[in-house]
Protein backbone atom coordinates (compact mmCIF):
# COMPACT_ATOMS: atom_id res chain seq x y z
CA MET A 1 51.91 -25.56 -35.39
CA PRO A 2 52.55 -22.32 -33.42
CA SER A 3 56.13 -21.17 -32.99
CA ASP A 4 57.85 -20.58 -29.66
CA ASN A 5 57.68 -16.84 -30.37
CA ASP A 6 53.89 -17.01 -30.87
CA THR A 7 53.51 -18.88 -27.60
CA PHE A 8 55.69 -16.40 -25.74
CA GLU A 9 53.78 -13.41 -27.14
CA ALA A 10 50.44 -14.97 -26.13
CA LEU A 11 51.67 -15.62 -22.60
CA LEU A 12 53.07 -12.10 -22.36
CA LYS A 13 49.76 -10.61 -23.55
CA ALA A 14 47.80 -12.71 -21.07
CA SER A 15 50.18 -11.66 -18.31
CA GLU A 16 49.73 -8.01 -19.19
CA GLU A 17 45.94 -8.35 -19.24
CA THR A 18 46.09 -9.95 -15.82
CA SER A 19 48.56 -7.48 -14.35
CA PHE A 20 47.17 -4.30 -15.82
CA ARG A 21 43.61 -3.20 -15.42
CA LYS A 22 42.75 0.06 -17.03
CA LEU A 23 40.40 2.01 -14.80
CA SER A 24 38.39 5.07 -15.71
CA PRO A 25 37.48 7.81 -13.24
CA GLY A 26 34.00 7.13 -11.91
CA GLN A 27 34.24 3.38 -12.55
CA LYS A 28 32.68 1.30 -9.78
CA LEU A 29 34.30 -1.94 -8.68
CA THR A 30 34.87 -4.30 -5.76
CA ALA A 31 38.23 -4.01 -4.00
CA THR A 32 39.91 -5.98 -1.22
CA ILE A 33 41.57 -4.24 1.70
CA VAL A 34 45.20 -5.47 1.89
CA GLY A 35 46.59 -3.03 4.41
CA ILE A 36 45.75 -0.23 6.85
CA ASP A 37 48.20 2.54 7.67
CA GLY A 38 46.81 5.39 9.74
CA GLU A 39 44.47 7.43 7.56
CA THR A 40 44.99 5.28 4.45
CA LEU A 41 43.55 1.93 3.36
CA PHE A 42 45.50 0.00 0.73
CA LEU A 43 43.39 -1.83 -1.83
CA ASP A 44 43.82 -4.69 -4.26
CA VAL A 45 41.79 -3.82 -7.33
CA GLY A 46 43.38 -6.28 -9.73
CA ALA A 47 45.66 -3.63 -11.25
CA LYS A 48 49.44 -3.50 -11.34
CA SER A 49 49.72 -1.05 -8.46
CA GLU A 50 47.75 -0.83 -5.30
CA GLY A 51 44.99 1.68 -4.86
CA ILE A 52 44.37 3.81 -1.81
CA ILE A 53 41.28 5.21 -0.11
CA ASP A 54 40.87 7.52 2.87
CA SER A 55 40.06 5.53 6.03
CA SER A 56 37.80 8.38 7.23
CA GLU A 57 35.16 7.05 4.84
CA PHE A 58 34.86 3.94 7.04
CA VAL A 59 34.60 5.25 10.59
CA ASP A 60 31.71 5.00 13.01
CA GLU A 61 30.27 7.75 15.20
CA ASN A 62 33.13 7.24 17.65
CA GLY A 63 35.79 7.67 14.97
CA LYS A 64 36.75 3.99 14.90
CA VAL A 65 37.53 2.31 11.55
CA THR A 66 34.84 -0.28 10.87
CA VAL A 67 36.69 -2.39 8.24
CA THR A 68 39.71 -4.65 8.43
CA VAL A 69 42.24 -6.36 6.19
CA GLY A 70 40.55 -8.88 3.92
CA ASP A 71 37.23 -7.07 3.70
CA ASN A 72 35.70 -6.49 0.26
CA ILE A 73 34.30 -3.01 -0.34
CA GLU A 74 32.50 -1.21 -3.18
CA VAL A 75 34.50 1.81 -4.40
CA TYR A 76 34.66 4.38 -7.21
CA CYS A 77 37.82 5.25 -9.08
CA LEU A 78 38.66 8.88 -8.44
CA LYS A 79 42.07 9.07 -10.14
CA SER A 80 44.10 6.57 -12.12
CA GLY A 81 47.60 7.33 -13.38
CA PRO A 82 51.31 6.50 -13.19
CA SER A 83 51.51 7.86 -9.65
CA GLY A 84 48.86 5.50 -8.42
CA GLN A 85 45.13 5.10 -8.11
CA VAL A 86 42.86 6.91 -5.70
CA PHE A 87 39.43 5.60 -4.80
CA THR A 88 36.43 6.81 -2.86
CA ARG A 89 33.38 5.21 -1.41
CA ARG A 90 31.58 8.46 -1.93
CA LEU A 91 32.58 12.08 -1.70
CA GLY A 92 31.44 13.54 1.57
CA ALA A 93 32.45 15.40 4.69
CA GLY A 94 35.87 13.76 4.75
CA SER A 95 36.70 14.59 1.15
CA ALA A 96 38.25 17.72 -0.22
CA GLY A 97 36.01 20.13 -2.08
CA ALA A 98 38.47 20.04 -4.97
CA HIS A 99 37.25 16.54 -5.82
CA LEU A 100 33.67 17.71 -6.45
CA GLU A 101 34.31 18.61 -10.08
CA GLU A 102 35.75 15.12 -10.64
CA ALA A 103 32.68 13.68 -8.93
CA TRP A 104 30.46 15.66 -11.32
CA ARG A 105 32.38 14.62 -14.43
CA ASN A 106 32.51 10.95 -13.45
CA ALA A 107 29.09 10.53 -11.77
CA ILE A 108 30.57 9.65 -8.38
CA PRO A 109 28.10 9.94 -5.46
CA VAL A 110 28.68 12.63 -2.87
CA GLN A 111 27.39 12.68 0.66
CA GLY A 112 25.52 15.75 1.78
CA THR A 113 23.42 17.10 4.62
CA VAL A 114 20.07 18.79 3.97
CA LYS A 115 20.53 22.10 5.77
CA ALA A 116 17.59 24.35 4.93
CA GLU A 117 14.44 24.67 2.88
CA ILE A 118 14.70 27.44 0.30
CA LYS A 119 12.68 28.57 -2.71
CA GLY A 120 12.15 25.62 -5.03
CA GLY A 121 13.95 23.03 -2.93
CA PHE A 122 16.70 22.55 -0.34
CA GLU A 123 20.14 23.86 0.48
CA VAL A 124 22.54 20.92 0.81
CA THR A 125 26.04 21.03 2.27
CA VAL A 126 28.65 18.73 0.68
CA SER A 127 32.35 18.32 1.53
CA SER A 128 31.92 20.02 4.91
CA SER A 129 31.18 23.53 3.70
CA VAL A 130 30.30 23.58 0.00
CA ARG A 131 26.74 24.70 -0.66
CA ALA A 132 24.60 23.00 -3.29
CA PHE A 133 20.96 23.16 -4.35
CA CYS A 134 18.57 20.20 -4.62
CA PRO A 135 15.15 20.85 -6.25
CA TYR A 136 12.08 19.42 -4.53
CA SER A 137 11.58 17.01 -7.43
CA GLN A 138 15.09 15.57 -6.96
CA ILE A 139 15.16 15.01 -3.18
CA GLY A 140 13.41 11.63 -3.32
CA LEU A 141 11.39 9.16 -5.33
CA ARG A 142 8.12 9.74 -3.53
CA ARG A 143 6.09 12.87 -3.01
CA VAL A 144 5.60 13.75 0.66
CA ASP A 145 3.13 16.16 2.21
CA ASP A 146 5.74 17.96 4.35
CA PRO A 147 9.18 17.80 2.64
CA ALA A 148 10.86 19.94 5.31
CA ALA A 149 9.80 17.65 8.15
CA GLU A 150 10.85 14.63 6.12
CA TYR A 151 14.33 15.70 4.96
CA LEU A 152 15.80 18.56 7.02
CA GLY A 153 18.90 17.46 8.91
CA LYS A 154 19.21 14.16 7.06
CA GLN A 155 22.37 12.88 5.41
CA LEU A 156 21.78 11.54 1.91
CA GLU A 157 23.82 10.50 -1.08
CA PHE A 158 23.58 12.73 -4.14
CA LEU A 159 24.80 12.94 -7.71
CA ILE A 160 26.11 16.31 -8.88
CA THR A 161 24.01 17.18 -11.94
CA ARG A 162 25.42 20.68 -12.51
CA PHE A 163 28.83 22.14 -11.63
CA GLU A 164 29.33 25.74 -12.76
CA ALA A 165 31.30 28.88 -11.91
CA GLY A 166 34.16 26.92 -10.39
CA GLY A 167 31.88 25.19 -7.91
CA ARG A 168 29.86 28.25 -6.86
CA ASN A 169 26.78 26.90 -8.62
CA ILE A 170 26.21 23.22 -7.82
CA VAL A 171 22.95 21.33 -8.30
CA VAL A 172 22.53 17.84 -6.86
CA SER A 173 20.00 15.01 -7.09
CA ALA A 174 19.29 12.24 -4.60
CA ARG A 175 16.57 10.89 -6.84
CA ALA A 176 19.00 10.03 -9.64
CA LEU A 177 20.87 7.63 -7.36
CA GLN A 178 17.67 6.20 -5.91
CA GLU A 179 16.27 5.55 -9.38
CA GLU A 180 19.42 3.66 -10.35
CA GLU A 181 19.26 1.59 -7.17
CA ARG A 182 15.60 0.87 -7.84
CA ARG A 183 16.39 -0.15 -11.42
CA ILE A 184 18.95 -2.69 -10.19
CA LYS A 185 16.62 -4.05 -7.54
CA ARG A 186 13.78 -4.15 -10.06
CA GLU A 187 15.85 -6.34 -12.37
CA GLU A 188 16.64 -8.67 -9.48
CA LEU A 189 12.99 -8.88 -8.42
CA GLN A 190 11.88 -9.72 -11.95
CA GLN A 191 13.64 -13.05 -11.50
CA THR A 192 12.00 -13.86 -8.16
CA LEU A 193 8.49 -12.36 -7.99
CA THR A 194 5.46 -14.26 -9.31
CA GLU A 195 1.72 -13.60 -9.29
CA GLY A 196 0.00 -15.19 -6.31
CA GLN A 197 3.15 -14.94 -4.19
CA GLU A 198 2.84 -13.57 -0.65
CA VAL A 199 5.42 -10.88 0.13
CA ASP A 200 6.45 -8.69 3.05
CA GLY A 201 6.42 -4.96 2.52
CA VAL A 202 6.40 -1.56 4.17
CA VAL A 203 3.82 1.18 3.56
CA SER A 204 5.69 3.92 1.71
CA SER A 205 2.82 6.28 0.86
CA ILE A 206 -0.89 6.64 1.65
CA ARG A 207 -3.29 8.00 -0.96
CA SER A 208 -7.08 8.30 -1.13
CA PHE A 209 -7.20 5.47 -3.69
CA GLY A 210 -4.85 3.02 -1.98
CA LEU A 211 -1.50 2.24 -0.38
CA PHE A 212 1.91 2.23 -2.02
CA VAL A 213 4.02 -0.54 -0.52
CA ASP A 214 7.78 -1.04 -0.83
CA ILE A 215 8.38 -4.76 -1.38
CA GLY A 216 12.15 -4.70 -1.49
CA GLY A 217 13.21 -1.86 -3.73
CA VAL A 218 10.10 -1.40 -5.89
CA ASP A 219 6.66 -0.10 -4.98
CA GLY A 220 3.40 -1.93 -5.52
CA LEU A 221 -0.12 -0.53 -5.17
CA VAL A 222 -2.80 -1.93 -2.90
CA PRO A 223 -6.07 -0.41 -4.22
CA ILE A 224 -8.49 0.65 -1.50
CA SER A 225 -10.81 -2.21 -2.54
CA GLU A 226 -8.01 -4.70 -1.77
CA VAL A 227 -7.06 -3.37 1.66
CA GLY A 228 -9.55 -5.59 3.51
CA TRP A 229 -12.93 -7.29 3.37
CA SER A 230 -14.59 -4.36 5.12
CA ARG A 231 -15.28 -1.00 3.51
CA VAL A 232 -12.59 1.58 4.36
CA ASP A 233 -13.27 5.30 4.02
CA ASN A 234 -9.99 6.74 5.33
CA LEU A 235 -6.83 4.63 5.00
CA ALA A 236 -4.90 6.95 7.31
CA ASP A 237 -7.13 5.81 10.19
CA THR A 238 -5.78 2.27 9.86
CA TYR A 239 -2.34 2.54 8.25
CA GLN A 240 0.74 4.74 8.59
CA VAL A 241 3.91 5.23 6.55
CA GLY A 242 6.59 2.75 7.64
CA GLN A 243 4.08 0.16 8.82
CA PRO A 244 5.04 -3.43 7.85
CA ILE A 245 2.36 -5.47 6.07
CA LYS A 246 1.88 -8.73 4.19
CA ALA A 247 0.34 -8.77 0.73
CA VAL A 248 -0.33 -11.08 -2.20
CA ILE A 249 0.88 -10.16 -5.69
CA LYS A 250 -2.20 -9.81 -7.91
CA GLY A 251 -0.51 -8.56 -11.07
CA LEU A 252 2.97 -7.91 -12.49
CA ASP A 253 3.34 -5.47 -15.38
CA TRP A 254 7.06 -4.83 -15.63
CA GLN A 255 6.73 -3.02 -18.95
CA ASN A 256 4.56 -0.30 -17.42
CA ASP A 257 6.23 -0.54 -14.01
CA ARG A 258 3.03 -1.59 -12.23
CA ILE A 259 2.68 -4.13 -9.45
CA SER A 260 -0.79 -4.79 -8.04
CA LEU A 261 -1.05 -6.08 -4.49
CA SER A 262 -3.80 -7.29 -2.17
CA ILE A 263 -3.85 -7.30 1.62
CA LYS A 264 -7.36 -8.72 1.54
CA GLU A 265 -6.19 -12.05 0.12
CA THR A 266 -3.96 -12.64 3.16
CA LEU A 267 -7.04 -12.47 5.43
CA PRO A 268 -9.74 -15.13 6.02
CA ASP A 269 -12.75 -14.79 3.70
CA PRO A 270 -15.78 -13.94 5.92
CA TRP A 271 -18.19 -15.18 3.22
CA GLN A 272 -17.05 -18.77 3.75
CA GLN A 273 -19.14 -18.87 6.94
CA ALA A 274 -21.96 -16.62 5.74
CA ALA A 275 -24.41 -19.43 4.86
CA THR A 276 -24.27 -20.93 8.34
CA GLN A 277 -23.88 -17.66 10.24
CA PHE A 278 -26.76 -15.93 8.46
CA GLY A 279 -29.40 -18.56 7.81
CA THR A 280 -32.61 -17.75 5.91
CA GLY A 281 -35.25 -16.36 8.27
CA SER A 282 -32.80 -15.52 11.05
CA ARG A 283 -32.83 -12.12 12.72
CA HIS A 284 -29.76 -9.90 13.11
CA THR A 285 -28.83 -6.37 14.07
CA GLY A 286 -26.68 -4.60 11.50
CA THR A 287 -25.36 -1.14 10.69
CA VAL A 288 -26.40 0.86 7.64
CA CYS A 289 -23.09 1.44 5.84
CA ARG A 290 -24.12 2.88 2.49
CA LEU A 291 -27.21 4.38 0.84
CA VAL A 292 -27.88 3.99 -2.89
CA PRO A 293 -30.98 4.93 -4.93
CA PHE A 294 -32.25 1.34 -4.91
CA GLY A 295 -31.75 0.57 -1.24
CA ALA A 296 -29.47 0.47 1.80
CA PHE A 297 -26.47 -1.77 2.38
CA VAL A 298 -26.28 -3.11 5.91
CA THR A 299 -23.10 -4.51 7.48
CA LEU A 300 -23.88 -7.72 9.32
CA ALA A 301 -20.25 -8.68 10.09
CA PRO A 302 -16.82 -7.35 9.00
CA GLY A 303 -16.74 -7.87 5.23
CA VAL A 304 -20.33 -9.12 4.97
CA ASP A 305 -22.97 -6.66 3.75
CA GLY A 306 -26.57 -7.32 2.83
CA LEU A 307 -29.01 -5.29 0.73
CA LEU A 308 -32.20 -3.84 2.12
CA HIS A 309 -34.19 -3.03 -1.02
CA ILE A 310 -36.05 0.29 -1.15
CA SER A 311 -39.33 -1.53 -1.86
CA LYS A 312 -39.16 -2.99 1.65
CA LEU A 313 -38.69 0.33 3.40
CA GLY A 314 -41.38 2.76 4.58
CA GLN A 315 -43.82 0.17 5.99
CA GLY A 316 -45.94 0.24 2.88
CA ARG A 317 -45.74 3.91 1.96
CA LYS A 318 -43.90 5.02 -1.17
CA VAL A 319 -40.23 5.93 -0.58
CA ASN A 320 -38.29 7.90 -3.21
CA HIS A 321 -34.87 7.42 -1.60
CA PRO A 322 -33.70 5.31 1.35
CA ARG A 323 -32.47 8.45 3.17
CA GLU A 324 -36.15 9.24 3.87
CA VAL A 325 -36.28 6.22 6.17
CA VAL A 326 -32.73 5.30 7.31
CA GLU A 327 -29.29 6.93 7.55
CA GLU A 328 -25.68 5.74 7.43
CA GLY A 329 -24.44 4.51 10.80
CA GLN A 330 -27.95 3.61 12.00
CA GLN A 331 -28.47 0.31 13.82
CA ILE A 332 -31.30 -1.71 12.33
CA GLU A 333 -32.83 -5.12 12.99
CA VAL A 334 -33.28 -7.20 9.86
CA ILE A 335 -34.44 -10.62 8.70
CA ILE A 336 -32.36 -12.71 6.27
CA GLU A 337 -34.47 -13.47 3.18
CA THR A 338 -31.90 -15.14 0.89
CA VAL A 339 -28.16 -15.92 1.06
CA ASP A 340 -25.85 -16.45 -1.94
CA PRO A 341 -22.28 -17.02 -0.62
CA ASP A 342 -20.85 -17.65 -4.11
CA GLY A 343 -22.28 -14.39 -5.42
CA ARG A 344 -21.56 -12.66 -2.11
CA LYS A 345 -25.16 -11.44 -1.84
CA ILE A 346 -27.62 -11.36 1.03
CA SER A 347 -31.17 -10.03 0.67
CA LEU A 348 -32.63 -8.42 3.77
CA ALA A 349 -35.95 -7.17 5.05
CA PRO A 350 -36.73 -5.02 8.10
CA ALA A 351 -37.75 -7.07 11.11
CA ASP A 352 -41.22 -5.44 10.98
CA TYR A 353 -41.58 -5.79 7.22
CA VAL A 354 -44.86 -7.19 5.85
CA SER A 355 -44.89 -8.22 2.21
CA PRO A 356 -47.77 -7.10 -0.07
CA ALA A 357 -49.00 -10.70 -0.33
CA ALA A 358 -48.90 -11.09 3.43
CA ALA A 359 -50.75 -7.78 3.84
CA ILE A 360 -53.52 -8.94 1.47
CA GLU A 361 -53.71 -12.25 3.29
CA LYS A 362 -53.98 -10.42 6.61
CA GLU A 363 -56.74 -8.17 5.27
CA TYR A 364 -58.59 -11.23 3.96
CA GLU A 365 -58.30 -12.94 7.32
CA GLU A 366 -59.54 -9.84 9.13
CA LEU A 367 -62.48 -9.52 6.69
CA HIS A 368 -63.31 -13.20 7.08
CA SER A 369 -63.18 -12.90 10.86
CA TYR A 370 -65.45 -9.85 10.74
CA ARG A 371 -68.01 -11.58 8.54
CA THR A 372 -68.00 -14.70 10.68
CA THR A 373 -68.51 -12.67 13.83
CA ARG A 374 -71.31 -10.68 12.21
CA GLN A 375 -73.10 -13.80 11.04
CA GLN A 376 -72.81 -15.32 14.48
CA LYS A 377 -74.28 -12.24 16.12
CA ARG A 378 -77.13 -12.21 13.57
CA LYS A 379 -77.94 -15.82 14.36
CA GLU A 380 -77.92 -15.10 18.06
CA SER A 381 -80.19 -12.12 17.49
CA GLU A 382 -82.59 -14.19 15.38
CA SER A 383 -82.53 -16.92 18.00
CA LEU A 384 -83.41 -14.45 20.73
CA SER A 385 -86.21 -13.00 18.56
CA SER A 386 -87.72 -16.47 17.99
CA PHE A 387 -87.53 -17.26 21.69
CA GLY A 388 -89.27 -13.99 22.57
CA ALA A 389 -92.13 -14.69 20.12
CA LEU A 390 -92.64 -18.17 21.53
CA LEU A 391 -92.70 -16.85 25.09
CA LYS A 392 -95.27 -14.19 24.18
CA LYS A 393 -97.47 -16.81 22.56
CA LYS A 394 -97.39 -18.93 25.72
CA LEU A 395 -98.33 -15.97 27.87
CA ASP A 396 -101.25 -15.06 25.60
CA GLN A 397 -102.61 -18.60 25.77
CA LYS A 398 -102.60 -18.53 29.56
CA LYS A 399 -104.61 -15.29 29.65
CA SER A 400 -107.37 -16.62 27.37
């Protein structure tokens, strides 16, 4: 059975653990605002004494404080000691430059403005007037074609990655913070995303092979073959960075950080109506969309292409390549020979195409017609000859 002293010591220890909370510089935590006095906010951080933070970190463009007593805010510990605890939301224009070394040592974000493009990257101003350097590779997660147009004049949050010569040589990285934010969001999304799920996203980058889409903190790739049912040659003609889209998750490979998406699967499948829309023997006007050694693909409707085989081109003469007869973009009238909706295949023939069998049949019919006509004329000629002989015989008899 525990003694009274044991019980007292346990209660005292529990009380101390509750009252005292040892904080390390750079530690991030949630605090509650318990008071506002001019330029200072008083915080409850669960420690024995209150913490303070500069109210200038929470003002809008008009200089008005945007938080009130009772609000919970995310803060970083800047200093912790017998004289009290000082916190910051981030080091920025309202913070003293003297705090930058502490920010570097404790990985506290600083706010900076991208001022100019210089060799190898950008000049960034932090704490009102302190100059820092951010390499191109560290300004953001994604490569952009025109970094200056994208970033100059913008305010971003940075981590100080190098602090030398008493602050005269400072290197910063926005990417380091963004990667950490993405890692946290990625872990959250792992619990919610599933294959086959439809998601909302925003186009973050356009490449020749597809679209990168931000789906809430992580990027997925829409390959060019999954952008739509129709063939797309230049994605920039249809999409732009920042454009909202819907997509279906085709694959999730968290280990290799790959998410495959499809815009096509959010759209109606045009092949579902192909059998009725393009019946065997029907005539249609299509557009030659692609030439290959064995024939020409013809677009009959968005997402529905048929094949015009090379053997059916040239009106009977030998063709070595379809380009000798047709060209991409050309309008052409075709006849549907066969339709396979499940295999997504349609066989076509030119509207004036005559098959070898039909050509032989036509030649046979023409030959048969010629022979029949010739025989008929011969019979008529023989008939006339017989009639002439009979008439001559009658005339000779009358003379005698």
